[in-house]
Amino acid sequence: MNAMQDTLDRTGAGRRIAASPLPLMEKKLGLVEEFLGATEALAAALEEDAPRQVQELLSGRQSLMRKIDRVSQALREEGWEDRRRWEGLPEPIRVRGKFLTARIAETIRKIDDLDRCCERAILTARDCLARELSALEVEQTGLRHYGGRREGENKFLDVKT
């Protein structure tokens, strides 16, 4: 049996399906670990109050999410989410698959914990900014009061005289 077997996709065009999910799972684990690193960097940037770096990291994480989604989609399309498909595979592949699945799940849990910390930091920064804006409004030094005219002053200058 080849490493790949020919099958038909939904459109009827020939498509290759992997005989093993391990390459896709290895790729997914690598991307998920990269996402964890980006999330750790995001947490540090939030702590350092580095908005430009935060924006870059958020953008990079979005790109990684799209890549992870594509790999997950490929695993679904090839039927590897169905555990019955694993039953006919050799024992070393099944063992490695279980290991990779556990590592991916563990890494996602770490990301989830860090995401919650990042969310709290963002909400704290938002609340602090709201208090600062409120204080500006009370002092009437905000832009809303910039250039306001006083009672009895003309709105336009008389340049004809």
Foldseek 3Di string as FASTA:
>chain_A
DDQWDWDAAPVRDIDTAGLALVVLLVVLLVLLVVLLVLLVVLLVCLVVVPVVSNVVSVVVSVVSVVVNVVSVVSCVRNPVVPVVSVVPDDPVRVVVVVVSVVSSVVSVVSSVVSVVSSVVSVVVVVVVVVVVVVVCVVVVVDPVNPPDDDPPDDPDDDPPD
